[in-house]
PDB file of all heavy atoms in Angstrom:
ATOM      1  N   SER A   1      51.210  73.096 140.841  1.00  0.00           N
ATOM      2  CA  SER A   1      49.948  73.503 141.449  1.00  0.00           C
ATOM      3  C   SER A   1      50.126  74.745 142.311  1.00  0.00           C
ATOM      4  O   SER A   1      50.743  74.681 143.379  1.00  0.00           O
ATOM      5  CB  SER A   1      49.392  72.360 142.314  1.00  0.00           C
ATOM      6  OG  SER A   1      48.365  72.820 143.158  1.00  0.00           O
ATOM      7  N   PRO A   2      49.589  75.889 141.906  1.00  0.00           N
ATOM      8  CA  PRO A   2      49.677  77.091 142.752  1.00  0.00           C
ATOM      9  C   PRO A   2      48.962  76.912 144.078  1.00  0.00           C
ATOM     10  O   PRO A   2      49.361  77.493 145.090  1.00  0.00           O
ATOM     11  CB  PRO A   2      49.031  78.180 141.896  1.00  0.00           C
ATOM     12  CG  PRO A   2      48.222  77.465 140.868  1.00  0.00           C
ATOM     13  CD  PRO A   2      48.909  76.159 140.625  1.00  0.00           C
ATOM     14  N   GLY A   3      47.921  76.086 144.097  1.00  0.00           N
ATOM     15  CA  GLY A   3      47.227  75.817 145.348  1.00  0.00           C
ATOM     16  C   GLY A   3      48.128  75.131 146.352  1.00  0.00           C
ATOM     17  O   GLY A   3      48.131  75.463 147.547  1.00  0.00           O
ATOM     18  N   MET A   4      48.914  74.166 145.890  1.00  0.00           N
ATOM     19  CA  MET A   4      49.873  73.477 146.761  1.00  0.00           C
ATOM     20  C   MET A   4      50.954  74.446 147.237  1.00  0.00           C
ATOM     21  O   MET A   4      51.323  74.471 148.425  1.00  0.00           O
ATOM     22  CB  MET A   4      50.509  72.307 146.014  1.00  0.00           C
ATOM     23  CG  MET A   4      49.556  71.177 145.700  1.00  0.00           C
ATOM     24  SD  MET A   4      49.190  70.203 147.166  1.00  0.00           S
ATOM     25  CE  MET A   4      48.480  68.749 146.411  1.00  0.00           C
ATOM     26  N   LEU A   5      51.491  75.233 146.326  1.00  0.00           N
ATOM     27  CA  LEU A   5      52.585  76.142 146.652  1.00  0.00           C
ATOM     28  C   LEU A   5      52.186  77.179 147.696  1.00  0.00           C
ATOM     29  O   LEU A   5      53.022  77.635 148.485  1.00  0.00           O
ATOM     30  CB  LEU A   5      53.089  76.834 145.395  1.00  0.00           C
ATOM     31  CG  LEU A   5      53.928  75.967 144.443  1.00  0.00           C
ATOM     32  CD1 LEU A   5      54.189  76.712 143.135  1.00  0.00           C
ATOM     33  CD2 LEU A   5      55.249  75.553 145.095  1.00  0.00           C
ATOM     34  N   LYS A   6      50.924  77.548 147.722  1.00  0.00           N
ATOM     35  CA  LYS A   6      50.451  78.520 148.723  1.00  0.00           C
ATOM     36  C   LYS A   6      50.737  78.012 150.130  1.00  0.00           C
ATOM     37  O   LYS A   6      51.214  78.768 150.995  1.00  0.00           O
ATOM     38  CB  LYS A   6      48.950  78.761 148.541  1.00  0.00           C
ATOM     39  CG  LYS A   6      48.353  79.721 149.556  1.00  0.00           C
ATOM     40  CD  LYS A   6      46.876  79.951 149.289  1.00  0.00           C
ATOM     41  CE  LYS A   6      46.051  78.716 149.612  1.00  0.00           C
ATOM     42  NZ  LYS A   6      44.589  78.978 149.506  1.00  0.00           N
ATOM     43  N   TYR A   7      50.496  76.731 150.370  1.00  0.00           N
ATOM     44  CA  TYR A   7      50.739  76.151 151.690  1.00  0.00           C
ATOM     45  C   TYR A   7      52.232  75.928 151.927  1.00  0.00           C
ATOM     46  O   TYR A   7      52.720  76.089 153.053  1.00  0.00           O
ATOM     47  CB  TYR A   7      49.968  74.842 151.835  1.00  0.00           C
ATOM     48  CG  TYR A   7      48.474  75.061 151.852  1.00  0.00           C
ATOM     49  CD1 TYR A   7      47.720  74.911 150.694  1.00  0.00           C
ATOM     50  CD2 TYR A   7      47.817  75.453 153.020  1.00  0.00           C
ATOM     51  CE1 TYR A   7      46.347  75.128 150.700  1.00  0.00           C
ATOM     52  CE2 TYR A   7      46.444  75.675 153.035  1.00  0.00           C
ATOM     53  CZ  TYR A   7      45.718  75.512 151.871  1.00  0.00           C
ATOM     54  OH  TYR A   7      44.366  75.741 151.871  1.00  0.00           O
ATOM     55  N   ALA A   8      52.964  75.564 150.883  1.00  0.00           N
ATOM     56  CA  ALA A   8      54.410  75.366 151.021  1.00  0.00           C
ATOM     57  C   ALA A   8      55.104  76.672 151.397  1.00  0.00           C
ATOM     58  O   ALA A   8      56.042  76.683 152.210  1.00  0.00           O
ATOM     59  CB  ALA A   8      54.983  74.807 149.726  1.00  0.00           C
ATOM     60  N   ARG A   9      54.654  77.774 150.826  1.00  0.00           N
ATOM     61  CA  ARG A   9      55.293  79.070 151.112  1.00  0.00           C
ATOM     62  C   ARG A   9      55.114  79.464 152.577  1.00  0.00           C
ATOM     63  O   ARG A   9      55.988  80.100 153.172  1.00  0.00           O
ATOM     64  CB  ARG A   9      54.751  80.143 150.170  1.00  0.00           C
ATOM     65  CG  ARG A   9      55.227  79.958 148.736  1.00  0.00           C
ATOM     66  CD  ARG A   9      54.944  81.170 147.861  1.00  0.00           C
ATOM     67  NE  ARG A   9      55.576  80.999 146.558  1.00  0.00           N
ATOM     68  CZ  ARG A   9      54.928  80.645 145.444  1.00  0.00           C
ATOM     69  NH1 ARG A   9      53.616  80.443 145.486  1.00  0.00           N
ATOM     70  NH2 ARG A   9      55.585  80.493 144.319  1.00  0.00           N
ATOM     71  N   LYS A  10      53.985  79.103 153.165  1.00  0.00           N
ATOM     72  CA  LYS A  10      53.779  79.384 154.594  1.00  0.00           C
ATOM     73  C   LYS A  10      54.796  78.630 155.438  1.00  0.00           C
ATOM     74  O   LYS A  10      55.362  79.176 156.392  1.00  0.00           O
ATOM     75  CB  LYS A  10      52.357  78.991 155.011  1.00  0.00           C
ATOM     76  CG  LYS A  10      51.269  79.881 154.423  1.00  0.00           C
ATOM     77  CD  LYS A  10      49.892  79.421 154.857  1.00  0.00           C
ATOM     78  CE  LYS A  10      48.802  80.279 154.236  1.00  0.00           C
ATOM     79  NZ  LYS A  10      47.441  79.797 154.607  1.00  0.00           N
ATOM     80  N   LYS A  11      55.056  77.363 155.095  1.00  0.00           N
ATOM     81  CA  LYS A  11      56.044  76.574 155.834  1.00  0.00           C
ATOM     82  C   LYS A  11      57.454  77.118 155.597  1.00  0.00           C
ATOM     83  O   LYS A  11      58.279  77.173 156.510  1.00  0.00           O
ATOM     84  CB  LYS A  11      55.971  75.111 155.407  1.00  0.00           C
ATOM     85  CG  LYS A  11      54.667  74.403 155.764  1.00  0.00           C
ATOM     86  CD  LYS A  11      54.731  72.942 155.356  1.00  0.00           C
ATOM     87  CE  LYS A  11      53.460  72.190 155.740  1.00  0.00           C
ATOM     88  NZ  LYS A  11      52.339  72.483 154.855  1.00  0.00           N
ATOM     89  N   ALA A  12      57.742  77.532 154.360  1.00  0.00           N
ATOM     90  CA  ALA A  12      59.092  77.996 154.010  1.00  0.00           C
ATOM     91  C   ALA A  12      59.455  79.292 154.720  1.00  0.00           C
ATOM     92  O   ALA A  12      60.640  79.580 154.931  1.00  0.00           O
ATOM     93  CB  ALA A  12      59.198  78.182 152.503  1.00  0.00           C
ATOM     94  N   SER A  13      58.466  80.077 155.110  1.00  0.00           N
ATOM     95  CA  SER A  13      58.734  81.390 155.696  1.00  0.00           C
ATOM     96  C   SER A  13      59.482  81.304 157.020  1.00  0.00           C
ATOM     97  O   SER A  13      60.126  82.266 157.444  1.00  0.00           O
ATOM     98  CB  SER A  13      57.419  82.153 155.893  1.00  0.00           C
ATOM     99  OG  SER A  13      56.588  81.476 156.829  1.00  0.00           O
ATOM    100  N   SER A  14      59.419  80.148 157.678  1.00  0.00           N
ATOM    101  CA  SER A  14      60.094  80.004 158.973  1.00  0.00           C
ATOM    102  C   SER A  14      61.374  79.169 158.886  1.00  0.00           C
ATOM    103  O   SER A  14      61.971  78.846 159.916  1.00  0.00           O
ATOM    104  CB  SER A  14      59.143  79.355 159.989  1.00  0.00           C
ATOM    105  OG  SER A  14      58.751  78.071 159.550  1.00  0.00           O
ATOM    106  N   MET A  15      61.819  78.844 157.683  1.00  0.00           N
ATOM    107  CA  MET A  15      62.999  77.994 157.532  1.00  0.00           C
ATOM    108  C   MET A  15      64.287  78.786 157.695  1.00  0.00           C
ATOM    109  O   MET A  15      64.329  79.983 157.415  1.00  0.00           O
ATOM    110  CB  MET A  15      62.965  77.280 156.179  1.00  0.00           C
ATOM    111  CG  MET A  15      61.853  76.253 156.068  1.00  0.00           C
ATOM    112  SD  MET A  15      61.822  75.424 154.468  1.00  0.00           S
ATOM    113  CE  MET A  15      63.360  74.492 154.536  1.00  0.00           C
ATOM    114  N   GLN A  16      65.338  78.091 158.125  1.00  0.00           N
ATOM    115  CA  GLN A  16      66.632  78.720 158.397  1.00  0.00           C
ATOM    116  C   GLN A  16      67.613  78.559 157.237  1.00  0.00           C
ATOM    117  O   GLN A  16      68.776  78.925 157.365  1.00  0.00           O
ATOM    118  CB  GLN A  16      67.236  78.109 159.667  1.00  0.00           C
ATOM    119  CG  GLN A  16      66.364  78.248 160.887  1.00  0.00           C
ATOM    120  CD  GLN A  16      66.059  79.696 161.225  1.00  0.00           C
ATOM    121  OE1 GLN A  16      66.968  80.524 161.293  1.00  0.00           O
ATOM    122  NE2 GLN A  16      64.788  80.011 161.428  1.00  0.00           N
ATOM    123  N   ILE A  17      67.172  77.997 156.113  1.00  0.00           N
ATOM    124  CA  ILE A  17      68.028  77.829 154.939  1.00  0.00           C
ATOM    125  C   ILE A  17      67.421  78.608 153.777  1.00  0.00           C
ATOM    126  O   ILE A  17      66.221  78.914 153.786  1.00  0.00           O
ATOM    127  CB  ILE A  17      68.181  76.341 154.555  1.00  0.00           C
ATOM    128  CG1 ILE A  17      66.815  75.746 154.156  1.00  0.00           C
ATOM    129  CG2 ILE A  17      68.835  75.547 155.676  1.00  0.00           C
ATOM    130  CD1 ILE A  17      66.911  74.393 153.492  1.00  0.00           C
ATOM    131  N   PRO A  18      68.230  78.951 152.758  1.00  0.00           N
ATOM    132  CA  PRO A  18      67.679  79.645 151.586  1.00  0.00           C
ATOM    133  C   PRO A  18      66.698  78.739 150.826  1.00  0.00           C
ATOM    134  O   PRO A  18      67.029  77.600 150.497  1.00  0.00           O
ATOM    135  CB  PRO A  18      68.915  79.945 150.735  1.00  0.00           C
ATOM    136  CG  PRO A  18      70.088  79.780 151.642  1.00  0.00           C
ATOM    137  CD  PRO A  18      69.694  78.778 152.670  1.00  0.00           C
ATOM    138  N   VAL A  19      65.509  79.254 150.553  1.00  0.00           N
ATOM    139  CA  VAL A  19      64.477  78.483 149.860  1.00  0.00           C
ATOM    140  C   VAL A  19      63.850  79.339 148.770  1.00  0.00           C
ATOM    141  O   VAL A  19      63.476  80.491 149.007  1.00  0.00           O
ATOM    142  CB  VAL A  19      63.354  78.022 150.817  1.00  0.00           C
ATOM    143  CG1 VAL A  19      62.333  77.171 150.063  1.00  0.00           C
ATOM    144  CG2 VAL A  19      63.919  77.251 151.999  1.00  0.00           C
ATOM    145  N   GLN A  20      63.721  78.755 147.589  1.00  0.00           N
ATOM    146  CA  GLN A  20      63.003  79.400 146.492  1.00  0.00           C
ATOM    147  C   GLN A  20      61.951  78.420 145.993  1.00  0.00           C
ATOM    148  O   GLN A  20      62.277  77.278 145.637  1.00  0.00           O
ATOM    149  CB  GLN A  20      63.950  79.771 145.344  1.00  0.00           C
ATOM    150  CG  GLN A  20      63.248  80.463 144.183  1.00  0.00           C
ATOM    151  CD  GLN A  20      64.211  80.779 143.037  1.00  0.00           C
ATOM    152  OE1 GLN A  20      65.267  80.153 142.912  1.00  0.00           O
ATOM    153  NE2 GLN A  20      63.833  81.733 142.199  1.00  0.00           N
ATOM    154  N   LEU A  21      60.693  78.840 145.986  1.00  0.00           N
ATOM    155  CA  LEU A  21      59.603  77.998 145.523  1.00  0.00           C
ATOM    156  C   LEU A  21      59.029  78.583 144.240  1.00  0.00           C
ATOM    157  O   LEU A  21      58.698  79.775 144.189  1.00  0.00           O
ATOM    158  CB  LEU A  21      58.518  77.890 146.596  1.00  0.00           C
ATOM    159  CG  LEU A  21      58.964  77.260 147.924  1.00  0.00           C
ATOM    160  CD1 LEU A  21      57.822  77.267 148.927  1.00  0.00           C
ATOM    161  CD2 LEU A  21      59.471  75.838 147.717  1.00  0.00           C
ATOM    162  N   VAL A  22      58.892  77.740 143.215  1.00  0.00           N
ATOM    163  CA  VAL A  22      58.538  78.212 141.882  1.00  0.00           C
ATOM    164  C   VAL A  22      57.447  77.317 141.287  1.00  0.00           C
ATOM    165  O   VAL A  22      57.515  76.086 141.413  1.00  0.00           O
ATOM    166  CB  VAL A  22      59.769  78.190 140.939  1.00  0.00           C
ATOM    167  CG1 VAL A  22      59.417  78.788 139.578  1.00  0.00           C
ATOM    168  CG2 VAL A  22      60.948  78.925 141.559  1.00  0.00           C
ATOM    169  N   GLU A  23      56.457  77.931 140.640  1.00  0.00           N
ATOM    170  CA  GLU A  23      55.467  77.159 139.893  1.00  0.00           C
ATOM    171  C   GLU A  23      56.101  76.700 138.585  1.00  0.00           C
ATOM    172  O   GLU A  23      56.515  77.514 137.758  1.00  0.00           O
ATOM    173  CB  GLU A  23      54.222  78.005 139.614  1.00  0.00           C
ATOM    174  CG  GLU A  23      53.117  77.224 138.923  1.00  0.00           C
ATOM    175  CD  GLU A  23      51.872  78.067 138.663  1.00  0.00           C
ATOM    176  OE1 GLU A  23      51.701  79.124 139.318  1.00  0.00           O
ATOM    177  OE2 GLU A  23      51.070  77.676 137.787  1.00  0.00           O
ATOM    178  N   MET A  24      56.192  75.379 138.404  1.00  0.00           N
ATOM    179  CA  MET A  24      56.871  74.841 137.224  1.00  0.00           C
ATOM    180  C   MET A  24      56.432  73.393 137.005  1.00  0.00           C
ATOM    181  O   MET A  24      56.134  72.672 137.954  1.00  0.00           O
ATOM    182  CB  MET A  24      58.394  74.919 137.418  1.00  0.00           C
ATOM    183  CG  MET A  24      59.216  74.654 136.161  1.00  0.00           C
ATOM    184  SD  MET A  24      61.010  74.736 136.475  1.00  0.00           S
ATOM    185  CE  MET A  24      61.193  76.451 137.012  1.00  0.00           C
ATOM    186  N   ASP A  25      56.434  72.975 135.756  1.00  0.00           N
ATOM    187  CA  ASP A  25      56.044  71.624 135.363  1.00  0.00           C
ATOM    188  C   ASP A  25      57.272  70.713 135.384  1.00  0.00           C
ATOM    189  O   ASP A  25      58.280  71.008 134.735  1.00  0.00           O
ATOM    190  CB  ASP A  25      55.435  71.664 133.963  1.00  0.00           C
ATOM    191  CG  ASP A  25      54.820  70.338 133.536  1.00  0.00           C
ATOM    192  OD1 ASP A  25      55.091  69.302 134.175  1.00  0.00           O
ATOM    193  OD2 ASP A  25      54.088  70.332 132.529  1.00  0.00           O
ATOM    194  N   ALA A  26      57.195  69.607 136.107  1.00  0.00           N
ATOM    195  CA  ALA A  26      58.312  68.666 136.193  1.00  0.00           C
ATOM    196  C   ALA A  26      58.688  68.091 134.833  1.00  0.00           C
ATOM    197  O   ALA A  26      59.822  67.646 134.637  1.00  0.00           O
ATOM    198  CB  ALA A  26      57.946  67.526 137.144  1.00  0.00           C
ATOM    199  N   GLN A  27      57.751  68.082 133.896  1.00  0.00           N
ATOM    200  CA  GLN A  27      58.014  67.517 132.574  1.00  0.00           C
ATOM    201  C   GLN A  27      58.779  68.473 131.658  1.00  0.00           C
ATOM    202  O   GLN A  27      59.255  68.071 130.599  1.00  0.00           O
ATOM    203  CB  GLN A  27      56.680  67.152 131.891  1.00  0.00           C
ATOM    204  CG  GLN A  27      55.844  66.170 132.674  1.00  0.00           C
ATOM    205  CD  GLN A  27      54.411  66.131 132.188  1.00  0.00           C
ATOM    206  OE1 GLN A  27      53.974  65.132 131.637  1.00  0.00           O
ATOM    207  NE2 GLN A  27      53.676  67.213 132.386  1.00  0.00           N
ATOM    208  N   ASN A  28      58.880  69.725 132.078  1.00  0.00           N
ATOM    209  CA  ASN A  28      59.524  70.754 131.235  1.00  0.00           C
ATOM    210  C   ASN A  28      60.120  71.822 132.143  1.00  0.00           C
ATOM    211  O   ASN A  28      59.602  72.922 132.242  1.00  0.00           O
ATOM    212  CB  ASN A  28      58.493  71.349 130.263  1.00  0.00           C
ATOM    213  CG  ASN A  28      59.117  72.313 129.288  1.00  0.00           C
ATOM    214  OD1 ASN A  28      60.311  72.220 128.972  1.00  0.00           O
ATOM    215  ND2 ASN A  28      58.329  73.248 128.798  1.00  0.00           N
ATOM    216  N   MET A  29      61.233  71.505 132.773  1.00  0.00           N
ATOM    217  CA  MET A  29      61.828  72.419 133.741  1.00  0.00           C
ATOM    218  C   MET A  29      62.617  73.531 133.057  1.00  0.00           C
ATOM    219  O   MET A  29      63.209  73.325 132.000  1.00  0.00           O
ATOM    220  CB  MET A  29      62.757  71.651 134.689  1.00  0.00           C
ATOM    221  CG  MET A  29      62.053  70.622 135.533  1.00  0.00           C
ATOM    222  SD  MET A  29      63.189  69.955 136.779  1.00  0.00           S
ATOM    223  CE  MET A  29      62.544  68.302 136.972  1.00  0.00           C
ATOM    224  N   GLU A  30      62.628  74.680 133.700  1.00  0.00           N
ATOM    225  CA  GLU A  30      63.278  75.865 133.137  1.00  0.00           C
ATOM    226  C   GLU A  30      64.673  76.081 133.713  1.00  0.00           C
ATOM    227  O   GLU A  30      65.125  77.218 133.845  1.00  0.00           O
ATOM    228  CB  GLU A  30      62.392  77.087 133.387  1.00  0.00           C
ATOM    229  CG  GLU A  30      61.010  76.966 132.745  1.00  0.00           C
ATOM    230  CD  GLU A  30      60.028  77.993 133.255  1.00  0.00           C
ATOM    231  OE1 GLU A  30      60.478  78.987 133.897  1.00  0.00           O
ATOM    232  OE2 GLU A  30      58.811  77.806 133.055  1.00  0.00           O
ATOM    233  N   PHE A  31      65.359  75.000 134.043  1.00  0.00           N
ATOM    234  CA  PHE A  31      66.711  75.076 134.585  1.00  0.00           C
ATOM    235  C   PHE A  31      67.721  74.602 133.541  1.00  0.00           C
ATOM    236  O   PHE A  31      67.402  73.760 132.694  1.00  0.00           O
ATOM    237  CB  PHE A  31      66.858  74.216 135.843  1.00  0.00           C
ATOM    238  CG  PHE A  31      65.873  74.528 136.929  1.00  0.00           C
ATOM    239  CD1 PHE A  31      64.917  73.609 137.318  1.00  0.00           C
ATOM    240  CD2 PHE A  31      65.909  75.762 137.571  1.00  0.00           C
ATOM    241  CE1 PHE A  31      64.007  73.887 138.325  1.00  0.00           C
ATOM    242  CE2 PHE A  31      65.000  76.068 138.589  1.00  0.00           C
ATOM    243  CZ  PHE A  31      64.055  75.131 138.956  1.00  0.00           C
ATOM    244  N   ALA A  32      68.937  75.126 133.638  1.00  0.00           N
ATOM    245  CA  ALA A  32      70.009  74.683 132.750  1.00  0.00           C
ATOM    246  C   ALA A  32      70.423  73.255 133.100  1.00  0.00           C
ATOM    247  O   ALA A  32      70.181  72.776 134.214  1.00  0.00           O
ATOM    248  CB  ALA A  32      71.203  75.624 132.876  1.00  0.00           C
ATOM    249  N   ASP A  33      71.052  72.589 132.160  1.00  0.00           N
ATOM    250  CA  ASP A  33      71.609  71.265 132.412  1.00  0.00           C
ATOM    251  C   ASP A  33      72.589  71.332 133.588  1.00  0.00           C
ATOM    252  O   ASP A  33      73.277  72.349 133.790  1.00  0.00           O
ATOM    253  CB  ASP A  33      72.369  70.753 131.188  1.00  0.00           C
ATOM    254  CG  ASP A  33      71.468  70.528 129.975  1.00  0.00           C
ATOM    255  OD1 ASP A  33      70.246  70.706 130.101  1.00  0.00           O
ATOM    256  OD2 ASP A  33      72.009  70.172 128.907  1.00  0.00           O
ATOM    257  N   ASP A  34      72.669  70.253 134.350  1.00  0.00           N
ATOM    258  CA  ASP A  34      73.695  70.091 135.395  1.00  0.00           C
ATOM    259  C   ASP A  34      73.657  71.215 136.442  1.00  0.00           C
ATOM    260  O   ASP A  34      74.686  71.745 136.847  1.00  0.00           O
ATOM    261  CB  ASP A  34      75.092  70.020 134.767  1.00  0.00           C
ATOM    262  CG  ASP A  34      75.195  68.971 133.673  1.00  0.00           C
ATOM    263  OD1 ASP A  34      74.425  67.994 133.698  1.00  0.00           O
ATOM    264  OD2 ASP A  34      76.052  69.124 132.783  1.00  0.00           O
ATOM    265  N   SER A  35      72.466  71.574 136.890  1.00  0.00           N
ATOM    266  CA  SER A  35      72.308  72.710 137.811  1.00  0.00           C
ATOM    267  C   SER A  35      72.376  72.335 139.283  1.00  0.00           C
ATOM    268  O   SER A  35      72.691  73.186 140.116  1.00  0.00           O
ATOM    269  CB  SER A  35      70.959  73.403 137.559  1.00  0.00           C
ATOM    270  OG  SER A  35      70.940  74.050 136.309  1.00  0.00           O
ATOM    271  N   PHE A  36      72.068  71.086 139.639  1.00  0.00           N
ATOM    272  CA  PHE A  36      71.862  70.745 141.040  1.00  0.00           C
ATOM    273  C   PHE A  36      72.728  69.561 141.477  1.00  0.00           C
ATOM    274  O   PHE A  36      72.942  68.618 140.726  1.00  0.00           O
ATOM    275  CB  PHE A  36      70.383  70.414 141.289  1.00  0.00           C
ATOM    276  CG  PHE A  36      69.468  71.575 141.025  1.00  0.00           C
ATOM    277  CD1 PHE A  36      68.824  71.702 139.802  1.00  0.00           C
ATOM    278  CD2 PHE A  36      69.260  72.548 141.990  1.00  0.00           C
ATOM    279  CE1 PHE A  36      67.982  72.780 139.545  1.00  0.00           C
ATOM    280  CE2 PHE A  36      68.421  73.633 141.738  1.00  0.00           C
ATOM    281  CZ  PHE A  36      67.784  73.749 140.518  1.00  0.00           C
TER     282      PHE A  36
END
């Protein structure tokens, strides 16, 4: 949901750790196997 991410990005802007927020479907992720 881009609408949800808009609010998440505002919160992420003040975080002290590296954060990347991406619009993506949980049913079809664009990450390689064994990434996390």
